[in-house]
Amino acid sequence: MRPRRAAGSRNLAVLIASGLGVGFSPAAPGTVGSLAALAPGIALRARAGWLPRAILPVCLAGLWAIPRASGGADHGWVVIDEIAGQWITLLGAPPLLGPAAPRPAARLGWLLAAFALFRLLDITKPGPIGTLDRRHDAIGVMGDDIAAGLLGAALLRLARTRV
């Protein structure tokens, strides 16, 4: 009975860590994970207060799942961290749906900026993002993307004050 429970727990952990299987994309799973995060992130952002409330459970789920699914390693198929980081970055963009949303062309620009900025920061890993990435545990796997998301959101907020 005990091994069965452990196997079920690991299967759930793999499902969560892989972003419901998105991470098993044959090409660029991190980018695919970030892209997959956009639609639900935008929908959650359109509902007042929903996106910030959704980020914490996703981060906690990632912290639980990563050591169980990958032993704490940041395998390419682990994309729950990209989902969390992309959602955090979206917090810096204006609402992309609803009455407060900018014109359609501007919406697309902000969406592309949020996506590209997060991916750039996640790939290049400047400063503390790189420091977190060098940890080889769940905190490092989640932490570098959370830090990239926070920096991305701050840069988008700054850009919003300039536009």
N, C-alpha and C. Protein backbone atom coordinates (compact mmCIF):
# COMPACT_ATOMS: atom_id res chain seq x y z
N MET A 1 0.82 -1.19 0.00
CA MET A 1 0.00 0.00 0.00
C MET A 1 0.86 1.26 0.00
N ARG A 2 1.93 1.29 0.78
CA ARG A 2 2.78 2.46 0.87
C ARG A 2 3.43 2.83 -0.47
N PRO A 3 4.02 1.90 -1.23
CA PRO A 3 4.60 2.27 -2.52
C PRO A 3 3.57 2.83 -3.49
N ARG A 4 2.35 2.34 -3.38
CA ARG A 4 1.30 2.83 -4.26
C ARG A 4 1.01 4.30 -3.99
N ARG A 5 0.94 4.67 -2.72
CA ARG A 5 0.70 6.05 -2.34
C ARG A 5 1.85 6.93 -2.82
N ALA A 6 3.06 6.45 -2.66
CA ALA A 6 4.22 7.22 -3.10
C ALA A 6 4.19 7.42 -4.61
N ALA A 7 3.81 6.38 -5.35
CA ALA A 7 3.72 6.51 -6.81
C ALA A 7 2.65 7.52 -7.19
N GLY A 8 1.51 7.48 -6.52
CA GLY A 8 0.45 8.44 -6.80
C GLY A 8 0.88 9.86 -6.48
N SER A 9 1.60 10.02 -5.39
CA SER A 9 2.11 11.32 -5.00
C SER A 9 3.11 11.83 -6.03
N ARG A 10 3.97 10.94 -6.52
CA ARG A 10 4.95 11.35 -7.52
C ARG A 10 4.26 11.72 -8.83
N ASN A 11 3.24 10.95 -9.21
CA ASN A 11 2.52 11.27 -10.44
C ASN A 11 1.87 12.66 -10.36
N LEU A 12 1.28 12.96 -9.22
CA LEU A 12 0.70 14.29 -9.02
C LEU A 12 1.78 15.35 -9.06
N ALA A 13 2.91 15.08 -8.45
CA ALA A 13 4.02 16.03 -8.45
C ALA A 13 4.52 16.29 -9.86
N VAL A 14 4.65 15.25 -10.67
CA VAL A 14 5.09 15.41 -12.06
C VAL A 14 4.06 16.23 -12.84
N LEU A 15 2.78 15.96 -12.62
CA LEU A 15 1.72 16.70 -13.30
C LEU A 15 1.81 18.20 -12.96
N ILE A 16 2.00 18.51 -11.69
CA ILE A 16 2.11 19.91 -11.27
C ILE A 16 3.40 20.52 -11.79
N ALA A 17 4.54 19.86 -11.58
CA ALA A 17 5.83 20.42 -11.99
C ALA A 17 5.90 20.66 -13.49
N SER A 18 5.24 19.81 -14.26
CA SER A 18 5.27 19.95 -15.73
C SER A 18 4.20 20.90 -16.25
N GLY A 19 3.51 21.59 -15.36
CA GLY A 19 2.46 22.52 -15.82
C GLY A 19 1.35 21.79 -16.52
N LEU A 20 0.87 20.72 -15.91
CA LEU A 20 -0.19 19.86 -16.47
C LEU A 20 0.25 19.22 -17.79
N GLY A 21 1.54 18.94 -17.89
CA GLY A 21 2.08 18.26 -19.07
C GLY A 21 2.67 19.17 -20.12
N VAL A 22 2.48 20.46 -20.00
CA VAL A 22 3.00 21.42 -20.98
C VAL A 22 4.52 21.31 -21.10
N GLY A 23 5.18 21.01 -19.99
CA GLY A 23 6.63 20.92 -19.98
C GLY A 23 7.20 19.79 -20.82
N PHE A 24 6.36 18.87 -21.25
CA PHE A 24 6.84 17.77 -22.08
C PHE A 24 6.83 18.12 -23.56
N SER A 25 6.70 19.41 -23.87
CA SER A 25 6.81 19.89 -25.24
C SER A 25 8.19 19.49 -25.77
N PRO A 26 8.25 18.99 -27.02
CA PRO A 26 9.55 18.54 -27.54
C PRO A 26 10.53 19.68 -27.81
N ALA A 27 10.04 20.89 -27.96
CA ALA A 27 10.93 22.02 -28.24
C ALA A 27 10.65 23.16 -27.26
N ALA A 28 11.70 23.73 -26.70
CA ALA A 28 11.65 24.91 -25.84
C ALA A 28 10.55 24.84 -24.79
N PRO A 29 10.60 23.83 -23.89
CA PRO A 29 9.52 23.69 -22.91
C PRO A 29 9.36 24.91 -22.00
N GLY A 30 10.43 25.61 -21.66
CA GLY A 30 10.30 26.80 -20.83
C GLY A 30 9.51 27.91 -21.52
N THR A 31 9.79 28.09 -22.80
CA THR A 31 9.06 29.09 -23.58
C THR A 31 7.61 28.66 -23.76
N VAL A 32 7.39 27.39 -24.02
CA VAL A 32 6.03 26.88 -24.18
C VAL A 32 5.27 27.02 -22.85
N GLY A 33 5.93 26.75 -21.74
CA GLY A 33 5.30 26.93 -20.43
C GLY A 33 4.92 28.38 -20.18
N SER A 34 5.80 29.31 -20.56
CA SER A 34 5.49 30.74 -20.41
C SER A 34 4.33 31.14 -21.31
N LEU A 35 4.32 30.65 -22.53
CA LEU A 35 3.21 30.94 -23.45
C LEU A 35 1.90 30.38 -22.91
N ALA A 36 1.95 29.16 -22.40
CA ALA A 36 0.74 28.53 -21.87
C ALA A 36 0.21 29.28 -20.66
N ALA A 37 1.08 29.97 -19.95
CA ALA A 37 0.66 30.72 -18.76
C ALA A 37 -0.07 32.02 -19.12
N LEU A 38 0.13 32.50 -20.33
CA LEU A 38 -0.43 33.81 -20.69
C LEU A 38 -1.95 33.86 -20.66
N ALA A 39 -2.62 32.93 -21.32
CA ALA A 39 -4.09 32.99 -21.40
C ALA A 39 -4.74 32.93 -20.02
N PRO A 40 -4.40 31.95 -19.18
CA PRO A 40 -5.02 31.97 -17.85
C PRO A 40 -4.57 33.17 -17.03
N GLY A 41 -3.33 33.62 -17.22
CA GLY A 41 -2.85 34.79 -16.49
C GLY A 41 -3.63 36.04 -16.85
N ILE A 42 -3.90 36.22 -18.13
CA ILE A 42 -4.68 37.38 -18.57
C ILE A 42 -6.10 37.30 -18.03
N ALA A 43 -6.69 36.12 -18.10
CA ALA A 43 -8.06 35.95 -17.59
C ALA A 43 -8.12 36.22 -16.08
N LEU A 44 -7.14 35.71 -15.35
CA LEU A 44 -7.10 35.95 -13.90
C LEU A 44 -6.84 37.43 -13.61
N ARG A 45 -6.02 38.06 -14.42
CA ARG A 45 -5.70 39.49 -14.24
C ARG A 45 -6.94 40.36 -14.47
N ALA A 46 -7.81 39.92 -15.36
CA ALA A 46 -9.02 40.69 -15.68
C ALA A 46 -10.01 40.70 -14.51
N ARG A 47 -9.94 39.69 -13.67
CA ARG A 47 -10.81 39.61 -12.50
C ARG A 47 -10.08 40.26 -11.34
N ALA A 48 -10.63 41.30 -10.78
CA ALA A 48 -9.97 42.08 -9.73
C ALA A 48 -9.43 41.19 -8.62
N GLY A 49 -8.11 41.22 -8.44
CA GLY A 49 -7.48 40.52 -7.34
C GLY A 49 -7.26 39.03 -7.52
N TRP A 50 -7.70 38.44 -8.62
CA TRP A 50 -7.59 36.99 -8.76
C TRP A 50 -6.16 36.53 -9.06
N LEU A 51 -5.44 37.26 -9.91
CA LEU A 51 -4.10 36.81 -10.28
C LEU A 51 -3.16 36.81 -9.08
N PRO A 52 -3.08 37.87 -8.28
CA PRO A 52 -2.19 37.80 -7.11
C PRO A 52 -2.57 36.65 -6.17
N ARG A 53 -3.85 36.38 -6.04
CA ARG A 53 -4.29 35.28 -5.17
C ARG A 53 -3.95 33.91 -5.75
N ALA A 54 -3.82 33.82 -7.06
CA ALA A 54 -3.50 32.54 -7.70
C ALA A 54 -2.00 32.25 -7.68
N ILE A 55 -1.18 33.29 -7.61
CA ILE A 55 0.27 33.11 -7.68
C ILE A 55 0.81 32.34 -6.48
N LEU A 56 0.39 32.69 -5.29
CA LEU A 56 0.91 32.03 -4.09
C LEU A 56 0.64 30.52 -4.10
N PRO A 57 -0.59 30.08 -4.38
CA PRO A 57 -0.80 28.62 -4.42
C PRO A 57 0.04 27.92 -5.51
N VAL A 58 0.25 28.58 -6.64
CA VAL A 58 1.07 27.99 -7.70
C VAL A 58 2.51 27.86 -7.22
N CYS A 59 3.02 28.90 -6.55
CA CYS A 59 4.39 28.84 -6.02
C CYS A 59 4.52 27.73 -4.96
N LEU A 60 3.56 27.66 -4.08
CA LEU A 60 3.60 26.62 -3.04
C LEU A 60 3.49 25.23 -3.65
N ALA A 61 2.64 25.08 -4.66
CA ALA A 61 2.51 23.79 -5.34
C ALA A 61 3.83 23.42 -6.01
N GLY A 62 4.50 24.39 -6.61
CA GLY A 62 5.80 24.14 -7.22
C GLY A 62 6.84 23.72 -6.20
N LEU A 63 6.86 24.41 -5.07
CA LEU A 63 7.81 24.06 -4.01
C LEU A 63 7.55 22.65 -3.47
N TRP A 64 6.30 22.23 -3.45
CA TRP A 64 5.96 20.87 -3.02
C TRP A 64 6.33 19.86 -4.11
N ALA A 65 5.99 20.16 -5.35
CA ALA A 65 6.10 19.20 -6.44
C ALA A 65 7.53 18.97 -6.93
N ILE A 66 8.33 20.00 -7.01
CA ILE A 66 9.65 19.88 -7.62
C ILE A 66 10.54 18.84 -6.94
N PRO A 67 10.68 18.85 -5.62
CA PRO A 67 11.53 17.81 -5.03
C PRO A 67 10.98 16.40 -5.22
N ARG A 68 9.68 16.26 -5.26
CA ARG A 68 9.07 14.94 -5.42
C ARG A 68 9.14 14.45 -6.86
N ALA A 69 9.04 15.39 -7.81
CA ALA A 69 9.02 15.00 -9.22
C ALA A 69 10.41 14.89 -9.83
N SER A 70 11.31 15.78 -9.41
CA SER A 70 12.62 15.83 -10.07
C SER A 70 13.78 15.76 -9.10
N GLY A 71 13.50 15.54 -7.83
CA GLY A 71 14.58 15.52 -6.84
C GLY A 71 15.18 16.90 -6.60
N GLY A 72 14.47 17.94 -7.02
CA GLY A 72 14.96 19.30 -6.85
C GLY A 72 15.72 19.83 -8.05
N ALA A 73 15.92 19.00 -9.06
CA ALA A 73 16.64 19.43 -10.26
C ALA A 73 15.72 20.23 -11.17
N ASP A 74 16.31 21.15 -11.91
CA ASP A 74 15.54 21.98 -12.83
C ASP A 74 15.59 21.37 -14.23
N HIS A 75 14.93 20.22 -14.38
CA HIS A 75 14.85 19.58 -15.69
C HIS A 75 14.04 20.47 -16.64
N GLY A 76 14.28 20.34 -17.92
CA GLY A 76 13.58 21.15 -18.90
C GLY A 76 12.06 21.03 -18.81
N TRP A 77 11.58 19.88 -18.43
CA TRP A 77 10.13 19.67 -18.37
C TRP A 77 9.48 20.31 -17.15
N VAL A 78 10.27 20.77 -16.19
CA VAL A 78 9.73 21.46 -15.02
C VAL A 78 9.43 22.91 -15.43
N VAL A 79 8.14 23.23 -15.56
CA VAL A 79 7.75 24.57 -16.03
C VAL A 79 6.80 25.30 -15.07
N ILE A 80 6.50 24.70 -13.92
CA ILE A 80 5.64 25.39 -12.96
C ILE A 80 6.28 26.71 -12.55
N ASP A 81 7.60 26.76 -12.55
CA ASP A 81 8.33 27.98 -12.21
C ASP A 81 8.14 29.06 -13.27
N GLU A 82 8.12 28.66 -14.54
CA GLU A 82 7.86 29.63 -15.61
C GLU A 82 6.44 30.17 -15.53
N ILE A 83 5.50 29.31 -15.18
CA ILE A 83 4.11 29.76 -15.05
C ILE A 83 4.01 30.82 -13.95
N ALA A 84 4.59 30.54 -12.80
CA ALA A 84 4.56 31.51 -11.69
C ALA A 84 5.26 32.81 -12.08
N GLY A 85 6.44 32.70 -12.68
CA GLY A 85 7.19 33.90 -13.06
C GLY A 85 6.48 34.73 -14.11
N GLN A 86 5.86 34.06 -15.08
CA GLN A 86 5.13 34.79 -16.12
C GLN A 86 3.93 35.51 -15.52
N TRP A 87 3.23 34.86 -14.62
CA TRP A 87 2.08 35.49 -13.97
C TRP A 87 2.51 36.69 -13.14
N ILE A 88 3.63 36.58 -12.45
CA ILE A 88 4.13 37.71 -11.67
C ILE A 88 4.46 38.87 -12.59
N THR A 89 5.10 38.59 -13.72
CA THR A 89 5.43 39.64 -14.69
C THR A 89 4.17 40.32 -15.20
N LEU A 90 3.11 39.55 -15.44
CA LEU A 90 1.85 40.14 -15.93
C LEU A 90 1.26 41.17 -14.96
N LEU A 91 1.60 41.06 -13.68
CA LEU A 91 1.09 42.03 -12.72
C LEU A 91 1.58 43.44 -13.01
N GLY A 92 2.70 43.57 -13.70
CA GLY A 92 3.22 44.88 -14.04
C GLY A 92 2.59 45.51 -15.26
N ALA A 93 1.92 44.70 -16.07
CA ALA A 93 1.26 45.21 -17.29
C ALA A 93 -0.11 45.78 -16.91
N PRO A 94 -0.65 46.65 -17.76
CA PRO A 94 -2.01 47.10 -17.49
C PRO A 94 -2.97 45.93 -17.70
N PRO A 95 -4.19 46.01 -17.16
CA PRO A 95 -5.16 44.94 -17.44
C PRO A 95 -5.31 44.78 -18.95
N LEU A 96 -5.31 43.56 -19.42
CA LEU A 96 -5.38 43.31 -20.86
C LEU A 96 -6.78 42.95 -21.33
N LEU A 97 -7.70 42.81 -20.39
CA LEU A 97 -9.11 42.58 -20.69
C LEU A 97 -9.94 43.51 -19.81
N GLY A 98 -11.14 43.79 -20.23
CA GLY A 98 -12.05 44.59 -19.41
C GLY A 98 -12.00 46.07 -19.73
N PRO A 99 -12.79 46.85 -19.00
CA PRO A 99 -12.93 48.27 -19.31
C PRO A 99 -11.66 49.09 -19.11
N ALA A 100 -10.75 48.66 -18.26
CA ALA A 100 -9.53 49.43 -18.02
C ALA A 100 -8.41 49.07 -18.99
N ALA A 101 -8.68 48.14 -19.90
CA ALA A 101 -7.66 47.68 -20.84
C ALA A 101 -7.36 48.76 -21.87
N PRO A 102 -6.11 48.86 -22.30
CA PRO A 102 -5.76 49.81 -23.36
C PRO A 102 -6.34 49.37 -24.71
N ARG A 103 -6.13 50.20 -25.72
CA ARG A 103 -6.59 49.87 -27.09
C ARG A 103 -6.02 48.51 -27.51
N PRO A 104 -6.69 47.82 -28.44
CA PRO A 104 -6.24 46.48 -28.84
C PRO A 104 -4.77 46.40 -29.27
N ALA A 105 -4.29 47.37 -30.04
CA ALA A 105 -2.90 47.33 -30.48
C ALA A 105 -1.96 47.46 -29.28
N ALA A 106 -2.32 48.31 -28.35
CA ALA A 106 -1.49 48.50 -27.15
C ALA A 106 -1.54 47.24 -26.28
N ARG A 107 -2.69 46.58 -26.23
CA ARG A 107 -2.79 45.34 -25.46
C ARG A 107 -1.78 44.32 -25.95
N LEU A 108 -1.73 44.16 -27.26
CA LEU A 108 -0.79 43.20 -27.85
C LEU A 108 0.65 43.59 -27.51
N GLY A 109 0.95 44.87 -27.57
CA GLY A 109 2.29 45.34 -27.24
C GLY A 109 2.67 45.03 -25.80
N TRP A 110 1.74 45.28 -24.85
CA TRP A 110 2.02 44.98 -23.45
C TRP A 110 2.16 43.48 -23.22
N LEU A 111 1.34 42.70 -23.90
CA LEU A 111 1.41 41.24 -23.77
C LEU A 111 2.76 40.73 -24.27
N LEU A 112 3.16 41.20 -25.44
CA LEU A 112 4.46 40.80 -25.99
C LEU A 112 5.60 41.26 -25.10
N ALA A 113 5.49 42.47 -24.56
CA ALA A 113 6.53 42.99 -23.67
C ALA A 113 6.63 42.13 -22.41
N ALA A 114 5.50 41.78 -21.82
CA ALA A 114 5.51 40.96 -20.60
C ALA A 114 6.13 39.59 -20.89
N PHE A 115 5.76 39.00 -22.00
CA PHE A 115 6.29 37.69 -22.36
C PHE A 115 7.79 37.77 -22.64
N ALA A 116 8.19 38.70 -23.52
CA ALA A 116 9.59 38.81 -23.92
C ALA A 116 10.48 39.20 -22.75
N LEU A 117 10.01 40.11 -21.93
CA LEU A 117 10.80 40.56 -20.79
C LEU A 117 11.03 39.41 -19.80
N PHE A 118 9.98 38.67 -19.50
CA PHE A 118 10.17 37.55 -18.59
C PHE A 118 11.12 36.52 -19.17
N ARG A 119 10.95 36.16 -20.43
CA ARG A 119 11.82 35.16 -21.04
C ARG A 119 13.27 35.65 -21.06
N LEU A 120 13.48 36.92 -21.39
CA LEU A 120 14.83 37.47 -21.42
C LEU A 120 15.49 37.37 -20.04
N LEU A 121 14.75 37.79 -19.01
CA LEU A 121 15.29 37.74 -17.65
C LEU A 121 15.50 36.30 -17.19
N ASP A 122 14.61 35.41 -17.56
CA ASP A 122 14.72 34.00 -17.16
C ASP A 122 15.90 33.32 -17.85
N ILE A 123 16.17 33.69 -19.07
CA ILE A 123 17.27 33.07 -19.82
C ILE A 123 18.62 33.66 -19.43
N THR A 124 18.70 35.00 -19.32
CA THR A 124 19.99 35.64 -19.03
C THR A 124 20.36 35.60 -17.56
N LYS A 125 19.37 35.57 -16.68
CA LYS A 125 19.55 35.44 -15.23
C LYS A 125 20.53 36.47 -14.64
N PRO A 126 20.22 37.76 -14.79
CA PRO A 126 21.12 38.77 -14.22
C PRO A 126 21.04 38.82 -12.69
N GLY A 127 22.14 39.19 -12.07
CA GLY A 127 22.20 39.46 -10.63
C GLY A 127 21.66 38.34 -9.75
N PRO A 128 20.74 38.71 -8.84
CA PRO A 128 20.23 37.72 -7.88
C PRO A 128 19.43 36.60 -8.54
N ILE A 129 18.95 36.81 -9.74
CA ILE A 129 18.24 35.74 -10.45
C ILE A 129 19.21 34.58 -10.70
N GLY A 130 20.42 34.91 -11.14
CA GLY A 130 21.45 33.90 -11.36
C GLY A 130 21.90 33.23 -10.07
N THR A 131 21.98 34.02 -9.00
CA THR A 131 22.36 33.46 -7.71
C THR A 131 21.35 32.40 -7.27
N LEU A 132 20.07 32.72 -7.40
CA LEU A 132 19.03 31.75 -7.05
C LEU A 132 19.09 30.53 -7.95
N ASP A 133 19.37 30.75 -9.23
CA ASP A 133 19.44 29.64 -10.18
C ASP A 133 20.54 28.65 -9.82
N ARG A 134 21.59 29.11 -9.19
CA ARG A 134 22.70 28.22 -8.84
C ARG A 134 22.39 27.32 -7.64
N ARG A 135 21.29 27.59 -6.96
CA ARG A 135 20.84 26.65 -5.93
C ARG A 135 20.25 25.45 -6.65
N HIS A 136 20.51 24.31 -6.22
CA HIS A 136 19.98 23.12 -6.89
C HIS A 136 18.94 22.43 -6.01
N ASP A 137 17.89 23.21 -5.75
CA ASP A 137 16.78 22.70 -4.96
C ASP A 137 15.51 23.43 -5.40
N ALA A 138 14.40 23.08 -4.80
CA ALA A 138 13.12 23.66 -5.20
C ALA A 138 13.10 25.17 -5.03
N ILE A 139 13.75 25.67 -3.98
CA ILE A 139 13.78 27.13 -3.76
C ILE A 139 14.52 27.81 -4.90
N GLY A 140 15.61 27.23 -5.36
CA GLY A 140 16.34 27.79 -6.49
C GLY A 140 15.55 27.72 -7.79
N VAL A 141 14.91 26.57 -8.02
CA VAL A 141 14.13 26.39 -9.26
C VAL A 141 13.00 27.40 -9.32
N MET A 142 12.24 27.52 -8.23
CA MET A 142 11.13 28.47 -8.20
C MET A 142 11.64 29.91 -8.03
N GLY A 143 12.67 30.07 -7.19
CA GLY A 143 13.14 31.40 -6.82
C GLY A 143 13.66 32.24 -7.97
N ASP A 144 14.41 31.63 -8.89
CA ASP A 144 14.95 32.44 -9.99
C ASP A 144 13.84 32.96 -10.89
N ASP A 145 12.79 32.17 -11.09
CA ASP A 145 11.68 32.63 -11.93
C ASP A 145 10.80 33.64 -11.19
N ILE A 146 10.66 33.47 -9.89
CA ILE A 146 9.92 34.46 -9.10
C ILE A 146 10.67 35.78 -9.14
N ALA A 147 11.99 35.74 -8.97
CA ALA A 147 12.79 36.96 -9.03
C ALA A 147 12.73 37.60 -10.42
N ALA A 148 12.80 36.77 -11.46
CA ALA A 148 12.69 37.30 -12.83
C ALA A 148 11.31 37.94 -13.03
N GLY A 149 10.27 37.31 -12.49
CA GLY A 149 8.93 37.87 -12.59
C GLY A 149 8.80 39.19 -11.86
N LEU A 150 9.37 39.27 -10.67
CA LEU A 150 9.31 40.52 -9.90
C LEU A 150 10.04 41.65 -10.61
N LEU A 151 11.23 41.34 -11.15
CA LEU A 151 11.97 42.36 -11.89
C LEU A 151 11.22 42.75 -13.16
N GLY A 152 10.67 41.76 -13.85
CA GLY A 152 9.89 42.04 -15.06
C GLY A 152 8.68 42.91 -14.76
N ALA A 153 7.96 42.60 -13.68
CA ALA A 153 6.79 43.40 -13.29
C ALA A 153 7.21 44.82 -12.95
N ALA A 154 8.32 44.97 -12.24
CA ALA A 154 8.79 46.32 -11.87
C ALA A 154 9.16 47.12 -13.12
N LEU A 155 9.82 46.47 -14.07
CA LEU A 155 10.19 47.17 -15.31
C LEU A 155 8.95 47.56 -16.13
N LEU A 156 7.96 46.69 -16.16
CA LEU A 156 6.72 47.02 -16.87
C LEU A 156 6.00 48.18 -16.18
N ARG A 157 5.97 48.17 -14.85
CA ARG A 157 5.34 49.29 -14.12
C ARG A 157 6.07 50.59 -14.42
N LEU A 158 7.39 50.53 -14.46
CA LEU A 158 8.18 51.71 -14.79
C LEU A 158 7.83 52.18 -16.20
N ALA A 159 7.74 51.25 -17.12
CA ALA A 159 7.39 51.61 -18.50
C ALA A 159 6.00 52.22 -18.58
N ARG A 160 5.07 51.76 -17.76
CA ARG A 160 3.72 52.32 -17.76
C ARG A 160 3.72 53.77 -17.31
N THR A 161 4.65 54.15 -16.43
CA THR A 161 4.70 55.55 -15.98
C THR A 161 5.30 56.44 -17.06
N ARG A 162 6.01 55.85 -18.00
CA ARG A 162 6.65 56.62 -19.08
C ARG A 162 5.78 56.74 -20.32
N VAL A 163 4.75 55.93 -20.40
CA VAL A 163 3.89 55.91 -21.61
C VAL A 163 2.74 56.88 -21.45
